[in-house]
């Protein structure tokens, strides 16, 4: 699947179909929490991160996640990506350690996935 910056909302059903063609029951995504952008479809979070950085996003605003469209509640968003490791910014793991940042990510996802 090609990398795409979302410009229109998509449903979880559409996202599940995209996931099935890639990793099965999940799909990688990268969000820009400042600009409210979301990219899906890449094999690597780093490739999608590069797309957003090329569009003018700032590194500190870009976070990698995994989405599990069939999961219920907040478990459908997994905060796990190598691009999230930023010791100089206080994020020392692949997860997103700051709860406010997690909420901002959820907000961007809700904007694009209905």
PDB file of N, CA and C in Angstrom:
ATOM      1  N   UNK A   1       0.835  -1.181   0.000  1.00  0.00           N
ATOM      2  CA  UNK A   1       0.000   0.000   0.000  1.00  0.00           C
ATOM      3  C   UNK A   1       0.878   1.242   0.000  1.00  0.00           C
ATOM      4  N   UNK A   2       0.508   2.196  -0.789  1.00  0.00           N
ATOM      5  CA  UNK A   2       1.260   3.441  -0.860  1.00  0.00           C
ATOM      6  C   UNK A   2       0.982   4.318   0.356  1.00  0.00           C
ATOM      7  N   UNK A   3       1.960   5.109   0.703  1.00  0.00           N
ATOM      8  CA  UNK A   3       1.805   6.078   1.785  1.00  0.00           C
ATOM      9  C   UNK A   3       0.836   7.159   1.329  1.00  0.00           C
ATOM     10  N   UNK A   4      -0.098   7.495   2.202  1.00  0.00           N
ATOM     11  CA  UNK A   4      -1.024   8.568   1.863  1.00  0.00           C
ATOM     12  C   UNK A   4      -1.292   9.473   3.055  1.00  0.00           C
ATOM     13  N   UNK A   5      -1.234  10.771   2.793  1.00  0.00           N
ATOM     14  CA  UNK A   5      -1.653  11.746   3.785  1.00  0.00           C
ATOM     15  C   UNK A   5      -3.164  11.834   3.678  1.00  0.00           C
ATOM     16  N   UNK A   6      -3.854  11.612   4.780  1.00  0.00           N
ATOM     17  CA  UNK A   6      -5.309  11.660   4.735  1.00  0.00           C
ATOM     18  C   UNK A   6      -5.779  13.086   4.478  1.00  0.00           C
ATOM     19  N   UNK A   7      -6.673  13.203   3.524  1.00  0.00           N
ATOM     20  CA  UNK A   7      -7.286  14.495   3.204  1.00  0.00           C
ATOM     21  C   UNK A   7      -8.796  14.434   3.391  1.00  0.00           C
ATOM     22  N   UNK A   8      -9.315  13.218   3.541  1.00  0.00           N
ATOM     23  CA  UNK A   8     -10.728  12.986   3.824  1.00  0.00           C
ATOM     24  C   UNK A   8     -10.827  11.958   4.935  1.00  0.00           C
ATOM     25  N   UNK A   9     -11.894  12.038   5.713  1.00  0.00           N
ATOM     26  CA  UNK A   9     -12.112  11.049   6.756  1.00  0.00           C
ATOM     27  C   UNK A   9     -12.331   9.677   6.130  1.00  0.00           C
ATOM     28  N   UNK A  10     -11.912   8.648   6.866  1.00  0.00           N
ATOM     29  CA  UNK A  10     -12.179   7.275   6.456  1.00  0.00           C
ATOM     30  C   UNK A  10     -12.805   6.540   7.630  1.00  0.00           C
ATOM     31  N   UNK A  11     -13.523   5.468   7.335  1.00  0.00           N
ATOM     32  CA  UNK A  11     -14.161   4.683   8.388  1.00  0.00           C
ATOM     33  C   UNK A  11     -13.200   3.620   8.908  1.00  0.00           C
ATOM     34  N   UNK A  12     -13.535   3.087  10.043  1.00  0.00           N
ATOM     35  CA  UNK A  12     -12.736   1.975  10.577  1.00  0.00           C
ATOM     36  C   UNK A  12     -12.797   0.785   9.635  1.00  0.00           C
ATOM     37  N   UNK A  13     -13.942   0.594   8.981  1.00  0.00           N
ATOM     38  CA  UNK A  13     -14.092  -0.510   8.027  1.00  0.00           C
ATOM     39  C   UNK A  13     -13.101  -0.331   6.866  1.00  0.00           C
ATOM     40  N   UNK A  14     -13.005   0.893   6.354  1.00  0.00           N
ATOM     41  CA  UNK A  14     -12.044   1.172   5.276  1.00  0.00           C
ATOM     42  C   UNK A  14     -10.617   0.960   5.774  1.00  0.00           C
ATOM     43  N   UNK A  15     -10.352   1.401   6.998  1.00  0.00           N
ATOM     44  CA  UNK A  15      -9.024   1.224   7.577  1.00  0.00           C
ATOM     45  C   UNK A  15      -8.710  -0.261   7.743  1.00  0.00           C
ATOM     46  N   UNK A  16      -9.704  -1.042   8.165  1.00  0.00           N
ATOM     47  CA  UNK A  16      -9.511  -2.490   8.326  1.00  0.00           C
ATOM     48  C   UNK A  16      -9.176  -3.143   6.993  1.00  0.00           C
ATOM     49  N   UNK A  17      -9.822  -2.699   5.918  1.00  0.00           N
ATOM     50  CA  UNK A  17      -9.523  -3.238   4.588  1.00  0.00           C
ATOM     51  C   UNK A  17      -8.096  -2.897   4.182  1.00  0.00           C
ATOM     52  N   UNK A  18      -7.661  -1.691   4.490  1.00  0.00           N
ATOM     53  CA  UNK A  18      -6.278  -1.296   4.197  1.00  0.00           C
ATOM     54  C   UNK A  18      -5.303  -2.143   5.011  1.00  0.00           C
ATOM     55  N   UNK A  19      -5.626  -2.352   6.278  1.00  0.00           N
ATOM     56  CA  UNK A  19      -4.768  -3.157   7.153  1.00  0.00           C
ATOM     57  C   UNK A  19      -4.654  -4.586   6.641  1.00  0.00           C
ATOM     58  N   UNK A  20      -5.781  -5.140   6.183  1.00  0.00           N
ATOM     59  CA  UNK A  20      -5.788  -6.523   5.687  1.00  0.00           C
ATOM     60  C   UNK A  20      -4.840  -6.689   4.512  1.00  0.00           C
ATOM     61  N   UNK A  21      -4.689  -5.651   3.725  1.00  0.00           N
ATOM     62  CA  UNK A  21      -3.787  -5.717   2.583  1.00  0.00           C
ATOM     63  C   UNK A  21      -2.339  -5.456   2.942  1.00  0.00           C
ATOM     64  N   UNK A  22      -2.084  -5.192   4.212  1.00  0.00           N
ATOM     65  CA  UNK A  22      -0.721  -4.873   4.601  1.00  0.00           C
ATOM     66  C   UNK A  22      -0.202  -5.777   5.718  1.00  0.00           C
ATOM     67  N   UNK A  23      -0.655  -5.576   6.940  1.00  0.00           N
ATOM     68  CA  UNK A  23      -0.149  -6.354   8.072  1.00  0.00           C
ATOM     69  C   UNK A  23      -1.183  -7.295   8.675  1.00  0.00           C
ATOM     70  N   UNK A  24      -2.374  -7.320   8.106  1.00  0.00           N
ATOM     71  CA  UNK A  24      -3.421  -8.198   8.625  1.00  0.00           C
ATOM     72  C   UNK A  24      -4.461  -7.433   9.410  1.00  0.00           C
ATOM     73  N   UNK A  25      -4.321  -7.431  10.734  1.00  0.00           N
ATOM     74  CA  UNK A  25      -5.332  -6.775  11.566  1.00  0.00           C
ATOM     75  C   UNK A  25      -4.897  -5.414  12.104  1.00  0.00           C
ATOM     76  N   UNK A  26      -3.777  -4.909  11.633  1.00  0.00           N
ATOM     77  CA  UNK A  26      -3.306  -3.600  12.091  1.00  0.00           C
ATOM     78  C   UNK A  26      -2.613  -2.853  10.968  1.00  0.00           C
ATOM     79  N   UNK A  27      -2.441  -1.558  11.185  1.00  0.00           N
ATOM     80  CA  UNK A  27      -1.794  -0.708  10.188  1.00  0.00           C
ATOM     81  C   UNK A  27      -0.984   0.363  10.918  1.00  0.00           C
ATOM     82  N   UNK A  28       0.129   0.742  10.334  1.00  0.00           N
ATOM     83  CA  UNK A  28       0.971   1.792  10.912  1.00  0.00           C
ATOM     84  C   UNK A  28       0.460   3.155  10.466  1.00  0.00           C
ATOM     85  N   UNK A  29       0.672   4.145  11.331  1.00  0.00           N
ATOM     86  CA  UNK A  29       0.291   5.523  11.014  1.00  0.00           C
ATOM     87  C   UNK A  29       1.260   6.462  11.709  1.00  0.00           C
ATOM     88  N   UNK A  30       1.343   7.675  11.200  1.00  0.00           N
ATOM     89  CA  UNK A  30       2.141   8.731  11.823  1.00  0.00           C
ATOM     90  C   UNK A  30       1.270   9.973  11.851  1.00  0.00           C
ATOM     91  N   UNK A  31       1.290  10.667  12.988  1.00  0.00           N
ATOM     92  CA  UNK A  31       0.483  11.872  13.127  1.00  0.00           C
ATOM     93  C   UNK A  31       1.360  13.074  13.473  1.00  0.00           C
ATOM     94  N   UNK A  32       0.915  14.222  13.019  1.00  0.00           N
ATOM     95  CA  UNK A  32       1.494  15.510  13.410  1.00  0.00           C
ATOM     96  C   UNK A  32       0.473  16.136  14.345  1.00  0.00           C
ATOM     97  N   UNK A  33       0.814  16.197  15.635  1.00  0.00           N
ATOM     98  CA  UNK A  33      -0.145  16.666  16.628  1.00  0.00           C
ATOM     99  C   UNK A  33      -0.378  18.172  16.570  1.00  0.00           C
ATOM    100  N   UNK A  34       0.530  18.911  15.990  1.00  0.00           N
ATOM    101  CA  UNK A  34       0.362  20.361  15.883  1.00  0.00           C
ATOM    102  C   UNK A  34      -0.511  20.736  14.684  1.00  0.00           C
ATOM    103  N   UNK A  35      -0.243  20.137  13.532  1.00  0.00           N
ATOM    104  CA  UNK A  35      -0.987  20.465  12.322  1.00  0.00           C
ATOM    105  C   UNK A  35      -2.233  19.600  12.126  1.00  0.00           C
ATOM    106  N   UNK A  36      -2.384  18.554  12.940  1.00  0.00           N
ATOM    107  CA  UNK A  36      -3.543  17.690  12.825  1.00  0.00           C
ATOM    108  C   UNK A  36      -3.514  16.793  11.608  1.00  0.00           C
ATOM    109  N   UNK A  37      -2.325  16.448  11.137  1.00  0.00           N
ATOM    110  CA  UNK A  37      -2.165  15.606   9.951  1.00  0.00           C
ATOM    111  C   UNK A  37      -1.995  14.147  10.347  1.00  0.00           C
ATOM    112  N   UNK A  38      -2.380  13.259   9.430  1.00  0.00           N
ATOM    113  CA  UNK A  38      -2.204  11.830   9.655  1.00  0.00           C
ATOM    114  C   UNK A  38      -1.830  11.153   8.350  1.00  0.00           C
ATOM    115  N   UNK A  39      -0.825  10.288   8.428  1.00  0.00           N
ATOM    116  CA  UNK A  39      -0.335   9.535   7.276  1.00  0.00           C
ATOM    117  C   UNK A  39      -0.498   8.052   7.593  1.00  0.00           C
ATOM    118  N   UNK A  40      -0.953   7.279   6.600  1.00  0.00           N
ATOM    119  CA  UNK A  40      -1.089   5.835   6.767  1.00  0.00           C
ATOM    120  C   UNK A  40      -0.479   5.135   5.553  1.00  0.00           C
ATOM    121  N   UNK A  41      -0.271   3.823   5.711  1.00  0.00           N
ATOM    122  CA  UNK A  41       0.076   3.007   4.559  1.00  0.00           C
ATOM    123  C   UNK A  41       1.531   2.652   4.376  1.00  0.00           C
ATOM    124  N   UNK A  42       2.421   3.194   5.140  1.00  0.00           N
ATOM    125  CA  UNK A  42       3.823   2.869   4.955  1.00  0.00           C
ATOM    126  C   UNK A  42       4.218   1.589   5.668  1.00  0.00           C
ATOM    127  N   UNK A  43       5.249   0.948   5.150  1.00  0.00           N
ATOM    128  CA  UNK A  43       5.783  -0.234   5.829  1.00  0.00           C
ATOM    129  C   UNK A  43       6.544   0.150   7.085  1.00  0.00           C
ATOM    130  N   UNK A  44       7.163   1.325   7.049  1.00  0.00           N
ATOM    131  CA  UNK A  44       7.936   1.816   8.189  1.00  0.00           C
ATOM    132  C   UNK A  44       7.401   3.167   8.644  1.00  0.00           C
ATOM    133  N   UNK A  45       7.341   3.345   9.951  1.00  0.00           N
ATOM    134  CA  UNK A  45       6.957   4.656  10.477  1.00  0.00           C
ATOM    135  C   UNK A  45       7.914   5.734   9.966  1.00  0.00           C
ATOM    136  N   UNK A  46       9.175   5.389   9.849  1.00  0.00           N
ATOM    137  CA  UNK A  46      10.182   6.365   9.416  1.00  0.00           C
ATOM    138  C   UNK A  46       9.885   6.898   8.011  1.00  0.00           C
ATOM    139  N   UNK A  47       9.359   6.059   7.132  1.00  0.00           N
ATOM    140  CA  UNK A  47       9.010   6.519   5.786  1.00  0.00           C
ATOM    141  C   UNK A  47       7.877   7.534   5.828  1.00  0.00           C
ATOM    142  N   UNK A  48       6.886   7.271   6.677  1.00  0.00           N
ATOM    143  CA  UNK A  48       5.758   8.199   6.801  1.00  0.00           C
ATOM    144  C   UNK A  48       6.186   9.477   7.510  1.00  0.00           C
ATOM    145  N   UNK A  49       7.073   9.327   8.487  1.00  0.00           N
ATOM    146  CA  UNK A  49       7.627  10.499   9.169  1.00  0.00           C
ATOM    147  C   UNK A  49       8.326  11.405   8.157  1.00  0.00           C
ATOM    148  N   UNK A  50       9.084  10.812   7.250  1.00  0.00           N
ATOM    149  CA  UNK A  50       9.800  11.590   6.234  1.00  0.00           C
ATOM    150  C   UNK A  50       8.831  12.366   5.340  1.00  0.00           C
ATOM    151  N   UNK A  51       7.685  11.763   5.032  1.00  0.00           N
ATOM    152  CA  UNK A  51       6.673  12.453   4.226  1.00  0.00           C
ATOM    153  C   UNK A  51       6.196  13.706   4.963  1.00  0.00           C
ATOM    154  N   UNK A  52       5.869  13.564   6.244  1.00  0.00           N
ATOM    155  CA  UNK A  52       5.386  14.719   6.999  1.00  0.00           C
ATOM    156  C   UNK A  52       6.467  15.779   7.167  1.00  0.00           C
ATOM    157  N   UNK A  53       7.689  15.357   7.425  1.00  0.00           N
ATOM    158  CA  UNK A  53       8.779  16.328   7.565  1.00  0.00           C
ATOM    159  C   UNK A  53       8.992  17.072   6.252  1.00  0.00           C
ATOM    160  N   UNK A  54       8.822  16.373   5.141  1.00  0.00           N
ATOM    161  CA  UNK A  54       8.931  16.998   3.824  1.00  0.00           C
ATOM    162  C   UNK A  54       7.808  17.988   3.541  1.00  0.00           C
ATOM    163  N   UNK A  55       6.695  17.840   4.266  1.00  0.00           N
ATOM    164  CA  UNK A  55       5.552  18.744   4.121  1.00  0.00           C
ATOM    165  C   UNK A  55       5.627  19.916   5.109  1.00  0.00           C
ATOM    166  N   UNK A  56       6.710  19.973   5.883  1.00  0.00           N
ATOM    167  CA  UNK A  56       6.882  21.095   6.805  1.00  0.00           C
ATOM    168  C   UNK A  56       6.597  20.794   8.264  1.00  0.00           C
ATOM    169  N   UNK A  57       6.284  19.548   8.591  1.00  0.00           N
ATOM    170  CA  UNK A  57       6.073  19.192   9.990  1.00  0.00           C
ATOM    171  C   UNK A  57       7.381  19.310  10.757  1.00  0.00           C
ATOM    172  N   UNK A  58       7.263  19.547  12.053  1.00  0.00           N
ATOM    173  CA  UNK A  58       8.440  19.609  12.926  1.00  0.00           C
ATOM    174  C   UNK A  58       8.593  18.266  13.636  1.00  0.00           C
ATOM    175  N   UNK A  59       9.829  17.826  13.762  1.00  0.00           N
ATOM    176  CA  UNK A  59      10.134  16.528  14.380  1.00  0.00           C
ATOM    177  C   UNK A  59       9.423  16.343  15.721  1.00  0.00           C
ATOM    178  N   UNK A  60       9.424  17.356  16.551  1.00  0.00           N
ATOM    179  CA  UNK A  60       8.848  17.227  17.893  1.00  0.00           C
ATOM    180  C   UNK A  60       7.323  17.051  17.876  1.00  0.00           C
ATOM    181  N   UNK A  61       6.679  17.291  16.739  1.00  0.00           N
ATOM    182  CA  UNK A  61       5.228  17.169  16.630  1.00  0.00           C
ATOM    183  C   UNK A  61       4.784  15.859  15.982  1.00  0.00           C
ATOM    184  N   UNK A  62       5.731  15.044  15.529  1.00  0.00           N
ATOM    185  CA  UNK A  62       5.425  13.847  14.741  1.00  0.00           C
ATOM    186  C   UNK A  62       5.632  12.592  15.594  1.00  0.00           C
ATOM    187  N   UNK A  63       4.585  11.742  15.619  1.00  0.00           N
ATOM    188  CA  UNK A  63       4.611  10.539  16.449  1.00  0.00           C
ATOM    189  C   UNK A  63       4.099   9.338  15.667  1.00  0.00           C
ATOM    190  N   UNK A  64       4.713   8.178  15.907  1.00  0.00           N
ATOM    191  CA  UNK A  64       4.316   6.944  15.250  1.00  0.00           C
ATOM    192  C   UNK A  64       3.389   6.112  16.118  1.00  0.00           C
ATOM    193  N   UNK A  65       2.364   5.543  15.490  1.00  0.00           N
ATOM    194  CA  UNK A  65       1.400   4.702  16.190  1.00  0.00           C
ATOM    195  C   UNK A  65       1.039   3.502  15.314  1.00  0.00           C
ATOM    196  N   UNK A  66       0.363   2.549  15.923  1.00  0.00           N
ATOM    197  CA  UNK A  66      -0.221   1.419  15.212  1.00  0.00           C
ATOM    198  C   UNK A  66      -1.706   1.410  15.523  1.00  0.00           C
ATOM    199  N   UNK A  67      -2.519   1.123  14.523  1.00  0.00           N
ATOM    200  CA  UNK A  67      -3.966   1.123  14.692  1.00  0.00           C
ATOM    201  C   UNK A  67      -4.522  -0.274  14.455  1.00  0.00           C
ATOM    202  N   UNK A  68      -5.393  -0.718  15.343  1.00  0.00           N
ATOM    203  CA  UNK A  68      -6.052  -2.015  15.275  1.00  0.00           C
ATOM    204  C   UNK A  68      -7.547  -1.763  15.117  1.00  0.00           C
ATOM    205  N   UNK A  69      -8.039  -1.614  13.882  1.00  0.00           N
ATOM    206  CA  UNK A  69      -9.415  -1.184  13.641  1.00  0.00           C
ATOM    207  C   UNK A  69     -10.501  -2.041  14.303  1.00  0.00           C
ATOM    208  N   UNK A  70     -10.251  -3.319  14.521  1.00  0.00           N
ATOM    209  CA  UNK A  70     -11.271  -4.194  15.111  1.00  0.00           C
ATOM    210  C   UNK A  70     -11.317  -4.114  16.639  1.00  0.00           C
ATOM    211  N   UNK A  71     -10.331  -3.498  17.248  1.00  0.00           N
ATOM    212  CA  UNK A  71     -10.279  -3.396  18.707  1.00  0.00           C
ATOM    213  C   UNK A  71     -11.263  -2.347  19.211  1.00  0.00           C
ATOM    214  N   UNK A  72     -11.770  -2.557  20.403  1.00  0.00           N
ATOM    215  CA  UNK A  72     -12.710  -1.619  21.012  1.00  0.00           C
ATOM    216  C   UNK A  72     -11.982  -0.677  21.976  1.00  0.00           C
ATOM    217  N   UNK A  73     -12.643   0.408  22.314  1.00  0.00           N
ATOM    218  CA  UNK A  73     -12.111   1.348  23.290  1.00  0.00           C
ATOM    219  C   UNK A  73     -10.813   1.987  22.837  1.00  0.00           C
ATOM    220  N   UNK A  74     -10.009   2.376  23.805  1.00  0.00           N
ATOM    221  CA  UNK A  74      -8.756   3.050  23.489  1.00  0.00           C
ATOM    222  C   UNK A  74      -7.641   2.089  23.110  1.00  0.00           C
ATOM    223  N   UNK A  75      -7.889   0.786  23.256  1.00  0.00           N
ATOM    224  CA  UNK A  75      -6.875  -0.220  22.922  1.00  0.00           C
ATOM    225  C   UNK A  75      -6.577  -0.291  21.434  1.00  0.00           C
ATOM    226  N   UNK A  76      -7.385   0.347  20.624  1.00  0.00           N
ATOM    227  CA  UNK A  76      -7.173   0.242  19.187  1.00  0.00           C
ATOM    228  C   UNK A  76      -6.012   1.101  18.728  1.00  0.00           C
ATOM    229  N   UNK A  77      -5.547   2.032  19.577  1.00  0.00           N
ATOM    230  CA  UNK A  77      -4.374   2.849  19.257  1.00  0.00           C
ATOM    231  C   UNK A  77      -3.214   2.369  20.124  1.00  0.00           C
ATOM    232  N   UNK A  78      -2.135   1.965  19.464  1.00  0.00           N
ATOM    233  CA  UNK A  78      -0.928   1.512  20.169  1.00  0.00           C
ATOM    234  C   UNK A  78       0.169   2.545  19.924  1.00  0.00           C
ATOM    235  N   UNK A  79       0.698   3.080  20.997  1.00  0.00           N
ATOM    236  CA  UNK A  79       1.754   4.090  20.912  1.00  0.00           C
ATOM    237  C   UNK A  79       3.104   3.383  20.927  1.00  0.00           C
ATOM    238  N   UNK A  80       3.530   2.882  19.766  1.00  0.00           N
ATOM    239  CA  UNK A  80       4.753   2.089  19.717  1.00  0.00           C
ATOM    240  C   UNK A  80       5.439   2.272  18.371  1.00  0.00           C
ATOM    241  N   UNK A  81       6.568   2.958  18.383  1.00  0.00           N
ATOM    242  CA  UNK A  81       7.337   3.156  17.156  1.00  0.00           C
ATOM    243  C   UNK A  81       8.756   3.596  17.503  1.00  0.00           C
ATOM    244  N   UNK A  82       9.686   3.167  16.687  1.00  0.00           N
ATOM    245  CA  UNK A  82      11.081   3.598  16.869  1.00  0.00           C
ATOM    246  C   UNK A  82      11.227   5.110  16.705  1.00  0.00           C
ATOM    247  N   UNK A  83      10.379   5.742  15.899  1.00  0.00           N
ATOM    248  CA  UNK A  83      10.523   7.197  15.708  1.00  0.00           C
ATOM    249  C   UNK A  83      10.161   7.968  16.971  1.00  0.00           C
ATOM    250  N   UNK A  84       9.535   7.297  17.938  1.00  0.00           N
ATOM    251  CA  UNK A  84       9.152   7.959  19.187  1.00  0.00           C
ATOM    252  C   UNK A  84      10.302   8.047  20.190  1.00  0.00           C
ATOM    253  N   UNK A  85      11.382   7.334  19.942  1.00  0.00           N
ATOM    254  CA  UNK A  85      12.529   7.356  20.861  1.00  0.00           C
ATOM    255  C   UNK A  85      13.248   8.695  20.695  1.00  0.00           C
ATOM    256  N   UNK A  86      13.125   9.536  21.716  1.00  0.00           N
ATOM    257  CA  UNK A  86      13.721  10.883  21.686  1.00  0.00           C
ATOM    258  C   UNK A  86      14.245  11.248  23.071  1.00  0.00           C
ATOM    259  N   UNK A  87      15.351  10.676  23.473  1.00  0.00           N
ATOM    260  CA  UNK A  87      15.876  10.948  24.809  1.00  0.00           C
ATOM    261  C   UNK A  87      16.090  12.442  25.082  1.00  0.00           C
ATOM    262  N   UNK A  88      16.514  13.187  24.079  1.00  0.00           N
ATOM    263  CA  UNK A  88      16.764  14.617  24.298  1.00  0.00           C
ATOM    264  C   UNK A  88      15.470  15.392  24.572  1.00  0.00           C
ATOM    265  N   UNK A  89      14.337  14.805  24.202  1.00  0.00           N
ATOM    266  CA  UNK A  89      13.036  15.436  24.451  1.00  0.00           C
ATOM    267  C   UNK A  89      12.310  14.787  25.631  1.00  0.00           C
ATOM    268  N   UNK A  90      12.980  13.878  26.306  1.00  0.00           N
ATOM    269  CA  UNK A  90      12.393  13.235  27.471  1.00  0.00           C
ATOM    270  C   UNK A  90      11.584  11.986  27.173  1.00  0.00           C
ATOM    271  N   UNK A  91      11.542  11.543  25.930  1.00  0.00           N
ATOM    272  CA  UNK A  91      10.815  10.309  25.587  1.00  0.00           C
ATOM    273  C   UNK A  91      11.860   9.239  25.302  1.00  0.00           C
ATOM    274  N   UNK A  92      12.086   8.368  26.267  1.00  0.00           N
ATOM    275  CA  UNK A  92      13.180   7.405  26.193  1.00  0.00           C
ATOM    276  C   UNK A  92      12.764   6.025  25.693  1.00  0.00           C
ATOM    277  N   UNK A  93      11.506   5.883  25.317  1.00  0.00           N
ATOM    278  CA  UNK A  93      11.047   4.565  24.867  1.00  0.00           C
ATOM    279  C   UNK A  93      10.347   4.679  23.517  1.00  0.00           C
ATOM    280  N   UNK A  94       9.963   3.518  22.988  1.00  0.00           N
ATOM    281  CA  UNK A  94       9.219   3.481  21.727  1.00  0.00           C
ATOM    282  C   UNK A  94       7.787   3.963  21.914  1.00  0.00           C
ATOM    283  N   UNK A  95       7.333   3.987  23.150  1.00  0.00           N
ATOM    284  CA  UNK A  95       5.986   4.461  23.460  1.00  0.00           C
ATOM    285  C   UNK A  95       5.948   5.981  23.514  1.00  0.00           C
ATOM    286  N   UNK A  96       4.762   6.512  23.723  1.00  0.00           N
ATOM    287  CA  UNK A  96       4.602   7.946  23.928  1.00  0.00           C
ATOM    288  C   UNK A  96       4.343   8.113  25.424  1.00  0.00           C
ATOM    289  N   UNK A  97       5.340   8.592  26.140  1.00  0.00           N
ATOM    290  CA  UNK A  97       5.277   8.611  27.594  1.00  0.00           C
ATOM    291  C   UNK A  97       4.422   9.747  28.157  1.00  0.00           C
ATOM    292  N   UNK A  98       4.299  10.846  27.442  1.00  0.00           N
ATOM    293  CA  UNK A  98       3.549  12.000  27.915  1.00  0.00           C
ATOM    294  C   UNK A  98       2.056  11.797  27.649  1.00  0.00           C
ATOM    295  N   UNK A  99       1.257  11.815  28.711  1.00  0.00           N
ATOM    296  CA  UNK A  99      -0.179  11.558  28.573  1.00  0.00           C
ATOM    297  C   UNK A  99      -0.887  12.651  27.767  1.00  0.00           C
ATOM    298  N   UNK A 100      -0.437  13.877  27.874  1.00  0.00           N
ATOM    299  CA  UNK A 100      -1.024  14.964  27.084  1.00  0.00           C
ATOM    300  C   UNK A 100      -0.769  14.730  25.593  1.00  0.00           C
ATOM    301  N   UNK A 101       0.427  14.285  25.258  1.00  0.00           N
ATOM    302  CA  UNK A 101       0.745  13.982  23.855  1.00  0.00           C
ATOM    303  C   UNK A 101      -0.106  12.826  23.363  1.00  0.00           C
ATOM    304  N   UNK A 102      -0.310  11.805  24.199  1.00  0.00           N
ATOM    305  CA  UNK A 102      -1.183  10.692  23.818  1.00  0.00           C
ATOM    306  C   UNK A 102      -2.584  11.206  23.501  1.00  0.00           C
ATOM    307  N   UNK A 103      -3.094  12.115  24.311  1.00  0.00           N
ATOM    308  CA  UNK A 103      -4.432  12.675  24.086  1.00  0.00           C
ATOM    309  C   UNK A 103      -4.482  13.474  22.785  1.00  0.00           C
ATOM    310  N   UNK A 104      -3.423  14.213  22.500  1.00  0.00           N
ATOM    311  CA  UNK A 104      -3.362  14.968  21.248  1.00  0.00           C
ATOM    312  C   UNK A 104      -3.353  14.017  20.048  1.00  0.00           C
ATOM    313  N   UNK A 105      -2.643  12.901  20.174  1.00  0.00           N
ATOM    314  CA  UNK A 105      -2.616  11.894  19.109  1.00  0.00           C
ATOM    315  C   UNK A 105      -4.013  11.315  18.918  1.00  0.00           C
ATOM    316  N   UNK A 106      -4.667  10.947  20.015  1.00  0.00           N
ATOM    317  CA  UNK A 106      -6.038  10.409  19.920  1.00  0.00           C
ATOM    318  C   UNK A 106      -6.965  11.396  19.214  1.00  0.00           C
ATOM    319  N   UNK A 107      -6.804  12.658  19.522  1.00  0.00           N
ATOM    320  CA  UNK A 107      -7.637  13.700  18.914  1.00  0.00           C
ATOM    321  C   UNK A 107      -7.443  13.755  17.393  1.00  0.00           C
ATOM    322  N   UNK A 108      -6.204  13.648  16.948  1.00  0.00           N
ATOM    323  CA  UNK A 108      -5.922  13.659  15.504  1.00  0.00           C
ATOM    324  C   UNK A 108      -6.523  12.409  14.856  1.00  0.00           C
ATOM    325  N   UNK A 109      -6.373  11.264  15.504  1.00  0.00           N
ATOM    326  CA  UNK A 109      -6.924  10.024  14.953  1.00  0.00           C
ATOM    327  C   UNK A 109      -8.442  10.138  14.834  1.00  0.00           C
ATOM    328  N   UNK A 110      -9.100  10.668  15.876  1.00  0.00           N
ATOM    329  CA  UNK A 110     -10.568  10.823  15.837  1.00  0.00           C
ATOM    330  C   UNK A 110     -11.010  11.781  14.744  1.00  0.00           C
ATOM    331  N   UNK A 111     -10.164  12.736  14.413  1.00  0.00           N
ATOM    332  CA  UNK A 111     -10.474  13.684  13.338  1.00  0.00           C
ATOM    333  C   UNK A 111     -10.570  12.970  11.991  1.00  0.00           C
ATOM    334  N   UNK A 112      -9.699  11.983  11.772  1.00  0.00           N
ATOM    335  CA  UNK A 112      -9.593  11.333  10.465  1.00  0.00           C
ATOM    336  C   UNK A 112     -10.295   9.990  10.344  1.00  0.00           C
ATOM    337  N   UNK A 113     -10.398   9.251  11.446  1.00  0.00           N
ATOM    338  CA  UNK A 113     -10.996   7.922  11.412  1.00  0.00           C
ATOM    339  C   UNK A 113     -12.340   7.973  12.143  1.00  0.00           C
ATOM    340  N   UNK A 114     -13.412   7.693  11.414  1.00  0.00           N
ATOM    341  CA  UNK A 114     -14.763   7.784  12.009  1.00  0.00           C
ATOM    342  C   UNK A 114     -15.429   6.428  12.073  1.00  0.00           C
TER     343      UNK A 114
END
